Amino acid sequence: MEKEDIRKELKVSAIENGTVIDHIPSQSVFLVMKILNLTKYPDQLLFGNNLDSRKMGKKGIIKVSNKFFQSDEINKIALVAPTATLIIIKNFQVVEKKKVRIPDFADNIVKCFNPNCITNNEDIPTKFTVINKKDLKLHCHYCEKITARENITFLE
């Protein structure tokens, strides 16, 4: 076999309708699938990890058929994969492409790491202000503790 004949890319089927989450940091692909509850998704789901990327070195990608994410889900993606791009597909055509943006507020999507916080002891939705988008630090509205990136836990 000559060198020109060797395929260097794996082709996967296009999705008719749904969302492609591209440019996910490789270490975050499985976390994105978990926080979006995609591990139990009943429709077609394709993902790749540690794919070559000129921009990132290595990246991940997730293709979700027949799913269009709501703003709270997009905020979750932004918190764990701030470099991600959402590509909306309808009738096999790209109709929208947008980069996720870390929100200014994270309400009812992240758990406060302080065990004494009222949100961990009573049925009160969490409220955070994002005070550092680069290193990701969240300020709790109730107990005023700072939750750093490594302590973030998403609500089920």
Protein backbone atom coordinates (compact mmCIF):
# COMPACT_ATOMS: atom_id res chain seq x y z
CA MET A 1 0.00 0.00 0.00
CA GLU A 2 1.39 3.36 -0.97
CA LYS A 3 1.55 6.17 1.52
CA GLU A 4 -1.11 8.21 -0.36
CA ASP A 5 -3.67 5.43 0.09
CA ILE A 6 -3.63 5.49 3.88
CA ARG A 7 -6.70 7.17 5.37
CA LYS A 8 -5.78 9.60 8.12
CA GLU A 9 -9.25 10.56 9.31
CA LEU A 10 -12.21 8.59 10.52
CA LYS A 11 -15.45 9.70 8.92
CA VAL A 12 -18.60 9.54 11.07
CA SER A 13 -22.14 10.04 9.91
CA ALA A 14 -23.52 13.54 9.91
CA ILE A 15 -26.45 14.29 12.18
CA GLU A 16 -29.69 15.49 10.65
CA ASN A 17 -30.80 17.60 13.62
CA GLY A 18 -29.03 18.29 16.87
CA THR A 19 -25.98 19.88 18.41
CA VAL A 20 -22.26 19.37 18.01
CA ILE A 21 -20.13 20.44 20.96
CA ASP A 22 -16.67 21.01 19.49
CA HIS A 23 -13.33 22.22 20.91
CA ILE A 24 -13.82 20.57 24.30
CA PRO A 25 -10.57 20.19 26.28
CA SER A 26 -9.77 16.46 26.18
CA GLN A 27 -9.77 16.15 29.96
CA SER A 28 -13.34 17.53 30.08
CA VAL A 29 -15.18 15.37 27.51
CA PHE A 30 -16.48 12.76 29.93
CA LEU A 31 -17.37 15.41 32.52
CA VAL A 32 -19.42 17.30 29.89
CA MET A 33 -21.27 14.07 29.04
CA LYS A 34 -21.91 13.42 32.74
CA ILE A 35 -23.16 16.90 33.70
CA LEU A 36 -25.48 16.97 30.66
CA ASN A 37 -26.74 13.48 31.57
CA LEU A 38 -25.76 12.21 28.12
CA THR A 39 -24.62 8.84 29.46
CA LYS A 40 -28.31 7.87 29.47
CA TYR A 41 -29.27 9.70 26.27
CA PRO A 42 -31.59 7.46 24.21
CA ASP A 43 -30.78 8.87 20.76
CA GLN A 44 -27.61 8.81 18.66
CA LEU A 45 -24.58 10.15 20.50
CA LEU A 46 -21.10 10.25 19.01
CA PHE A 47 -17.98 11.44 20.78
CA GLY A 48 -14.30 11.59 20.10
CA ASN A 49 -11.49 12.40 22.45
CA ASN A 50 -7.82 13.30 22.11
CA LEU A 51 -8.39 14.31 18.49
CA ASP A 52 -5.71 16.39 16.79
CA SER A 53 -6.48 20.11 16.76
CA ARG A 54 -4.37 22.86 15.25
CA LYS A 55 -5.82 25.36 17.74
CA MET A 56 -5.74 23.24 20.93
CA GLY A 57 -3.24 20.45 20.30
CA LYS A 58 -5.77 17.82 21.40
CA LYS A 59 -9.54 18.23 21.71
CA GLY A 60 -12.80 16.40 22.19
CA ILE A 61 -16.08 16.55 20.30
CA ILE A 62 -19.62 15.37 21.11
CA LYS A 63 -22.41 15.04 18.51
CA VAL A 64 -25.92 14.77 19.99
CA SER A 65 -28.79 13.96 17.63
CA ASN A 66 -32.17 15.63 18.18
CA LYS A 67 -30.97 17.68 21.15
CA PHE A 68 -30.77 21.45 21.46
CA PHE A 69 -29.35 22.62 24.76
CA GLN A 70 -31.08 25.09 27.09
CA SER A 71 -29.23 28.04 28.64
CA ASP A 72 -28.61 26.29 31.98
CA GLU A 73 -27.03 23.36 30.12
CA ILE A 74 -24.91 25.73 28.03
CA ASN A 75 -23.75 27.42 31.25
CA LYS A 76 -22.66 24.02 32.60
CA ILE A 77 -20.67 23.39 29.42
CA ALA A 78 -19.03 26.83 29.72
CA LEU A 79 -17.98 26.19 33.33
CA VAL A 80 -16.10 22.97 32.48
CA ALA A 81 -15.20 23.57 28.83
CA PRO A 82 -14.86 27.34 28.28
CA THR A 83 -13.23 26.80 24.86
CA ALA A 84 -16.21 24.83 23.52
CA THR A 85 -18.15 25.79 20.42
CA LEU A 86 -21.80 24.82 19.91
CA ILE A 87 -22.84 24.00 16.35
CA ILE A 88 -26.59 23.77 15.78
CA ILE A 89 -27.60 21.43 12.93
CA LYS A 90 -31.01 21.39 11.22
CA ASN A 91 -31.72 19.28 8.13
CA PHE A 92 -27.99 18.39 7.90
CA GLN A 93 -27.10 22.12 7.66
CA VAL A 94 -25.21 24.29 10.14
CA VAL A 95 -27.70 26.97 11.15
CA GLU A 96 -25.76 28.48 14.05
CA LYS A 97 -22.26 28.33 15.46
CA LYS A 98 -21.38 30.01 18.74
CA LYS A 99 -18.69 29.90 21.39
CA VAL A 100 -19.84 29.23 24.93
CA ARG A 101 -19.30 32.02 27.41
CA ILE A 102 -18.77 31.63 31.12
CA PRO A 103 -21.85 33.22 32.70
CA ASP A 104 -21.74 36.06 35.24
CA PHE A 105 -24.06 34.06 37.50
CA ALA A 106 -24.47 30.32 38.09
CA ASP A 107 -27.88 29.79 39.64
CA ASN A 108 -29.12 26.33 40.58
CA ILE A 109 -26.50 24.42 38.59
CA VAL A 110 -23.56 24.14 41.02
CA LYS A 111 -23.49 22.91 44.60
CA CYS A 112 -21.87 25.04 47.32
CA PHE A 113 -18.78 23.31 48.66
CA ASN A 114 -19.44 24.64 52.20
CA PRO A 115 -21.30 21.85 54.08
CA ASN A 116 -22.79 24.46 56.45
CA CYS A 117 -24.29 26.55 53.63
CA ILE A 118 -28.08 26.84 53.88
CA THR A 119 -28.37 25.46 50.32
CA ASN A 120 -26.88 22.15 51.53
CA ASN A 121 -29.25 21.90 54.48
CA GLU A 122 -32.55 23.29 53.24
CA ASP A 123 -34.45 23.20 49.97
CA ILE A 124 -33.04 26.48 48.65
CA PRO A 125 -31.65 26.87 45.11
CA THR A 126 -27.98 27.79 44.91
CA LYS A 127 -26.90 31.22 43.68
CA PHE A 128 -23.37 32.13 42.70
CA THR A 129 -21.63 35.12 41.18
CA VAL A 130 -18.69 34.24 38.96
CA ILE A 131 -15.91 36.43 40.36
CA ASN A 132 -13.01 35.05 38.31
CA LYS A 133 -13.66 33.65 34.84
CA LYS A 134 -10.01 32.85 34.07
CA ASP A 135 -9.35 30.65 37.12
CA LEU A 136 -13.08 30.03 37.69
CA LYS A 137 -14.07 31.11 41.16
CA LEU A 138 -17.69 31.28 42.29
CA HIS A 139 -18.97 33.40 45.20
CA CYS A 140 -21.96 31.93 47.09
CA HIS A 141 -24.80 34.40 47.57
CA TYR A 142 -25.79 32.83 50.93
CA CYS A 143 -22.66 31.82 52.85
CA GLU A 144 -20.26 34.06 50.89
CA LYS A 145 -17.67 31.29 50.53
CA ILE A 146 -15.61 31.07 47.36
CA THR A 147 -15.81 27.82 45.40
CA ALA A 148 -12.75 27.23 43.19
CA ARG A 149 -12.74 25.23 39.93
CA GLU A 150 -11.36 22.09 41.61
CA ASN A 151 -14.22 22.08 44.16
CA ILE A 152 -17.10 22.56 41.73
CA THR A 153 -19.80 19.89 41.92
CA PHE A 154 -22.80 20.06 39.64
CA LEU A 155 -26.31 19.51 40.94
CA GLU A 156 -28.02 16.37 39.67
